[in-house]
Amino acid sequence: MNLPPYLRAQPDGVFLSVKVQPRASRNQIGGLHGNELKVAVTAPPVDSAANQAVVEFLAEALGLPRRAVTLMRGQTSRHKVFRLDGITAEAAATKLS
């Protein structure tokens, strides 16, 4: 299976590249945006609220506990990289598409 460009399989988990849209009307996955997955969340980009919302939304969408979704890069940027533990890249691609 060809992985979508926003997923990278690594020895210690799967890396997911995301472009976040804060203050959206609802939490949703918006499809491909360049080499990133667009994720819209209702939380504002204040005091890591949007980061927490994205972690919770991704964990729920992937059926993972929140501790399995780690923000690796992009704390203050809309372009973020998350590490997903306990899931294969193929399973993540299926659940996110």
N, C-alpha and C. Protein backbone atom coordinates (compact mmCIF):
# COMPACT_ATOMS: atom_id res chain seq x y z
N MET A 1 0.85 -1.19 0.00
CA MET A 1 0.00 0.00 0.00
C MET A 1 0.89 1.25 0.00
N ASN A 2 0.57 2.19 -0.88
CA ASN A 2 1.29 3.46 -0.89
C ASN A 2 0.75 4.33 0.23
N LEU A 3 1.65 4.86 1.05
CA LEU A 3 1.23 5.73 2.14
C LEU A 3 0.97 7.13 1.60
N PRO A 4 -0.03 7.82 2.16
CA PRO A 4 -0.24 9.22 1.78
C PRO A 4 0.96 10.06 2.21
N PRO A 5 1.17 11.21 1.58
CA PRO A 5 2.39 12.00 1.84
C PRO A 5 2.48 12.53 3.26
N TYR A 6 1.37 12.60 4.00
CA TYR A 6 1.40 13.15 5.35
C TYR A 6 1.79 12.11 6.41
N LEU A 7 2.00 10.86 6.02
CA LEU A 7 2.40 9.82 6.97
C LEU A 7 3.80 9.32 6.66
N ARG A 8 4.61 9.12 7.71
CA ARG A 8 5.94 8.53 7.57
C ARG A 8 6.11 7.46 8.63
N ALA A 9 6.34 6.24 8.20
CA ALA A 9 6.59 5.15 9.15
C ALA A 9 8.01 5.28 9.68
N GLN A 10 8.17 5.20 11.00
CA GLN A 10 9.47 5.29 11.66
C GLN A 10 9.61 4.08 12.59
N PRO A 11 10.83 3.73 12.98
CA PRO A 11 11.00 2.60 13.89
C PRO A 11 10.27 2.79 15.23
N ASP A 12 10.14 4.06 15.68
CA ASP A 12 9.51 4.30 16.99
C ASP A 12 8.08 4.83 16.86
N GLY A 13 7.42 4.58 15.76
CA GLY A 13 6.04 5.01 15.60
C GLY A 13 5.80 5.58 14.21
N VAL A 14 4.69 6.25 14.05
CA VAL A 14 4.30 6.84 12.77
C VAL A 14 4.31 8.35 12.95
N PHE A 15 4.88 9.08 11.98
CA PHE A 15 4.88 10.54 12.03
C PHE A 15 3.80 11.06 11.10
N LEU A 16 2.99 11.98 11.61
CA LEU A 16 1.86 12.55 10.88
C LEU A 16 2.07 14.05 10.75
N SER A 17 2.12 14.55 9.51
CA SER A 17 2.25 16.00 9.25
C SER A 17 0.86 16.60 9.10
N VAL A 18 0.62 17.68 9.84
CA VAL A 18 -0.72 18.26 9.90
C VAL A 18 -0.63 19.77 9.68
N LYS A 19 -1.62 20.31 8.96
CA LYS A 19 -1.82 21.77 8.92
C LYS A 19 -3.11 22.03 9.70
N VAL A 20 -2.99 22.80 10.76
CA VAL A 20 -4.11 23.02 11.67
C VAL A 20 -4.85 24.30 11.29
N GLN A 21 -6.17 24.21 11.31
CA GLN A 21 -7.02 25.40 11.13
C GLN A 21 -7.78 25.60 12.44
N PRO A 22 -7.31 26.53 13.29
CA PRO A 22 -8.03 26.78 14.54
C PRO A 22 -9.29 27.59 14.32
N ARG A 23 -10.13 27.65 15.32
CA ARG A 23 -11.39 28.41 15.30
C ARG A 23 -12.29 28.02 14.15
N ALA A 24 -12.32 26.74 13.82
CA ALA A 24 -13.23 26.26 12.77
C ALA A 24 -14.64 26.10 13.35
N SER A 25 -15.61 25.89 12.48
CA SER A 25 -16.98 25.72 12.97
C SER A 25 -17.17 24.36 13.65
N ARG A 26 -16.35 23.37 13.26
CA ARG A 26 -16.40 22.06 13.93
C ARG A 26 -15.07 21.33 13.72
N ASN A 27 -14.85 20.34 14.57
CA ASN A 27 -13.64 19.52 14.44
C ASN A 27 -13.82 18.57 13.27
N GLN A 28 -12.87 18.60 12.34
CA GLN A 28 -12.98 17.69 11.19
C GLN A 28 -11.65 17.56 10.47
N ILE A 29 -11.54 16.48 9.71
CA ILE A 29 -10.39 16.26 8.84
C ILE A 29 -10.76 16.82 7.48
N GLY A 30 -9.92 17.73 6.96
CA GLY A 30 -10.28 18.44 5.75
C GLY A 30 -9.59 17.96 4.49
N GLY A 31 -8.91 16.82 4.54
CA GLY A 31 -8.27 16.32 3.33
C GLY A 31 -6.83 16.77 3.21
N LEU A 32 -6.29 16.59 2.02
CA LEU A 32 -4.88 16.85 1.77
C LEU A 32 -4.62 18.34 1.53
N HIS A 33 -3.55 18.84 2.12
CA HIS A 33 -3.12 20.24 1.90
C HIS A 33 -1.62 20.18 1.64
N GLY A 34 -1.23 20.11 0.39
CA GLY A 34 0.18 19.90 0.06
C GLY A 34 0.59 18.51 0.51
N ASN A 35 1.63 18.41 1.34
CA ASN A 35 2.05 17.13 1.90
C ASN A 35 1.57 16.95 3.32
N GLU A 36 0.54 17.70 3.71
CA GLU A 36 0.02 17.63 5.08
C GLU A 36 -1.47 17.29 5.06
N LEU A 37 -1.92 16.75 6.18
CA LEU A 37 -3.34 16.49 6.38
C LEU A 37 -3.93 17.72 7.04
N LYS A 38 -4.99 18.28 6.47
CA LYS A 38 -5.61 19.46 7.06
C LYS A 38 -6.58 19.00 8.15
N VAL A 39 -6.40 19.57 9.34
CA VAL A 39 -7.28 19.26 10.47
C VAL A 39 -7.83 20.56 11.02
N ALA A 40 -9.15 20.66 11.07
CA ALA A 40 -9.81 21.85 11.60
C ALA A 40 -10.30 21.55 13.01
N VAL A 41 -10.05 22.48 13.93
CA VAL A 41 -10.53 22.33 15.31
C VAL A 41 -11.22 23.62 15.74
N THR A 42 -12.18 23.49 16.64
CA THR A 42 -12.95 24.65 17.09
C THR A 42 -12.16 25.51 18.09
N ALA A 43 -11.14 24.95 18.71
CA ALA A 43 -10.38 25.68 19.74
C ALA A 43 -9.59 26.83 19.13
N PRO A 44 -9.44 27.92 19.90
CA PRO A 44 -8.62 29.04 19.42
C PRO A 44 -7.13 28.73 19.61
N PRO A 45 -6.26 29.41 18.88
CA PRO A 45 -4.82 29.16 19.01
C PRO A 45 -4.22 29.92 20.18
N VAL A 46 -4.76 29.71 21.38
CA VAL A 46 -4.33 30.44 22.58
C VAL A 46 -3.94 29.44 23.66
N ASP A 47 -2.80 29.64 24.30
CA ASP A 47 -2.35 28.78 25.41
C ASP A 47 -2.41 27.30 25.08
N SER A 48 -1.98 26.91 23.89
CA SER A 48 -1.95 25.50 23.47
C SER A 48 -3.33 24.86 23.40
N ALA A 49 -4.39 25.63 23.40
CA ALA A 49 -5.74 25.05 23.33
C ALA A 49 -5.95 24.30 22.02
N ALA A 50 -5.48 24.89 20.92
CA ALA A 50 -5.65 24.23 19.62
C ALA A 50 -4.79 22.96 19.56
N ASN A 51 -3.58 23.00 20.11
CA ASN A 51 -2.73 21.80 20.13
C ASN A 51 -3.41 20.68 20.88
N GLN A 52 -3.96 20.98 22.06
CA GLN A 52 -4.65 19.97 22.86
C GLN A 52 -5.86 19.43 22.10
N ALA A 53 -6.60 20.31 21.44
CA ALA A 53 -7.78 19.89 20.69
C ALA A 53 -7.39 18.95 19.55
N VAL A 54 -6.27 19.25 18.86
CA VAL A 54 -5.82 18.39 17.77
C VAL A 54 -5.41 17.03 18.31
N VAL A 55 -4.67 17.00 19.42
CA VAL A 55 -4.25 15.73 20.03
C VAL A 55 -5.49 14.89 20.36
N GLU A 56 -6.47 15.50 21.02
CA GLU A 56 -7.68 14.76 21.40
C GLU A 56 -8.46 14.29 20.18
N PHE A 57 -8.57 15.16 19.17
CA PHE A 57 -9.31 14.80 17.96
C PHE A 57 -8.63 13.66 17.21
N LEU A 58 -7.29 13.73 17.07
CA LEU A 58 -6.57 12.66 16.36
C LEU A 58 -6.65 11.34 17.13
N ALA A 59 -6.52 11.41 18.46
CA ALA A 59 -6.60 10.20 19.27
C ALA A 59 -7.96 9.53 19.09
N GLU A 60 -9.01 10.34 19.10
CA GLU A 60 -10.35 9.80 18.93
C GLU A 60 -10.54 9.22 17.52
N ALA A 61 -10.08 9.95 16.50
CA ALA A 61 -10.25 9.51 15.12
C ALA A 61 -9.49 8.21 14.85
N LEU A 62 -8.34 8.04 15.51
CA LEU A 62 -7.50 6.86 15.28
C LEU A 62 -7.76 5.74 16.27
N GLY A 63 -8.62 5.98 17.25
CA GLY A 63 -8.90 4.96 18.26
C GLY A 63 -7.71 4.71 19.17
N LEU A 64 -6.95 5.77 19.47
CA LEU A 64 -5.77 5.65 20.32
C LEU A 64 -6.00 6.39 21.64
N PRO A 65 -5.29 5.99 22.72
CA PRO A 65 -5.32 6.82 23.93
C PRO A 65 -4.60 8.14 23.67
N ARG A 66 -4.95 9.18 24.42
CA ARG A 66 -4.34 10.50 24.18
C ARG A 66 -2.82 10.47 24.35
N ARG A 67 -2.32 9.63 25.25
CA ARG A 67 -0.87 9.59 25.48
C ARG A 67 -0.12 9.00 24.29
N ALA A 68 -0.82 8.38 23.34
CA ALA A 68 -0.18 7.79 22.16
C ALA A 68 0.00 8.81 21.03
N VAL A 69 -0.53 10.02 21.21
CA VAL A 69 -0.41 11.08 20.20
C VAL A 69 0.44 12.19 20.81
N THR A 70 1.65 12.39 20.25
CA THR A 70 2.61 13.34 20.82
C THR A 70 2.94 14.41 19.78
N LEU A 71 2.85 15.67 20.19
CA LEU A 71 3.25 16.77 19.32
C LEU A 71 4.77 16.85 19.33
N MET A 72 5.40 16.60 18.18
CA MET A 72 6.85 16.57 18.09
C MET A 72 7.44 17.92 17.66
N ARG A 73 6.74 18.60 16.75
CA ARG A 73 7.28 19.82 16.17
C ARG A 73 6.13 20.76 15.82
N GLY A 74 6.33 22.07 15.99
CA GLY A 74 5.34 23.05 15.56
C GLY A 74 4.41 23.53 16.66
N GLN A 75 4.92 23.65 17.89
CA GLN A 75 4.07 24.10 19.01
C GLN A 75 3.34 25.40 18.70
N THR A 76 4.01 26.34 18.03
CA THR A 76 3.39 27.64 17.79
C THR A 76 3.09 27.88 16.31
N SER A 77 3.21 26.86 15.50
CA SER A 77 2.98 26.98 14.06
C SER A 77 1.69 26.26 13.68
N ARG A 78 1.15 26.60 12.53
CA ARG A 78 0.01 25.83 12.02
C ARG A 78 0.47 24.51 11.42
N HIS A 79 1.75 24.44 11.08
CA HIS A 79 2.31 23.22 10.49
C HIS A 79 2.93 22.40 11.62
N LYS A 80 2.37 21.22 11.87
CA LYS A 80 2.77 20.42 13.02
C LYS A 80 3.12 19.00 12.60
N VAL A 81 3.94 18.35 13.42
CA VAL A 81 4.26 16.95 13.22
C VAL A 81 3.93 16.23 14.53
N PHE A 82 3.11 15.19 14.43
CA PHE A 82 2.73 14.38 15.58
C PHE A 82 3.32 12.98 15.44
N ARG A 83 3.69 12.39 16.57
CA ARG A 83 4.10 10.99 16.58
C ARG A 83 2.93 10.17 17.12
N LEU A 84 2.61 9.11 16.39
CA LEU A 84 1.52 8.21 16.78
C LEU A 84 2.13 6.89 17.22
N ASP A 85 1.85 6.47 18.44
CA ASP A 85 2.36 5.20 18.96
C ASP A 85 1.24 4.17 18.97
N GLY A 86 1.60 2.92 18.75
CA GLY A 86 0.62 1.84 18.87
C GLY A 86 -0.28 1.69 17.67
N ILE A 87 0.14 2.18 16.51
CA ILE A 87 -0.65 2.03 15.30
C ILE A 87 0.32 1.95 14.12
N THR A 88 -0.04 1.16 13.12
CA THR A 88 0.81 1.08 11.92
C THR A 88 0.45 2.23 10.98
N ALA A 89 1.37 2.57 10.10
CA ALA A 89 1.12 3.63 9.13
C ALA A 89 -0.08 3.27 8.24
N GLU A 90 -0.18 1.99 7.88
CA GLU A 90 -1.30 1.56 7.02
C GLU A 90 -2.65 1.74 7.74
N ALA A 91 -2.69 1.35 9.02
CA ALA A 91 -3.94 1.49 9.78
C ALA A 91 -4.29 2.98 9.94
N ALA A 92 -3.29 3.82 10.19
CA ALA A 92 -3.53 5.25 10.34
C ALA A 92 -4.07 5.83 9.03
N ALA A 93 -3.47 5.42 7.90
CA ALA A 93 -3.92 5.92 6.60
C ALA A 93 -5.37 5.55 6.35
N THR A 94 -5.75 4.33 6.70
CA THR A 94 -7.13 3.87 6.51
C THR A 94 -8.09 4.68 7.36
N LYS A 95 -7.75 4.90 8.63
CA LYS A 95 -8.67 5.61 9.53
C LYS A 95 -8.76 7.10 9.22
N LEU A 96 -7.71 7.68 8.65
CA LEU A 96 -7.73 9.12 8.38
C LEU A 96 -8.30 9.48 7.01
N SER A 97 -8.43 8.47 6.13
CA SER A 97 -8.92 8.79 4.78
C SER A 97 -10.44 8.80 4.72
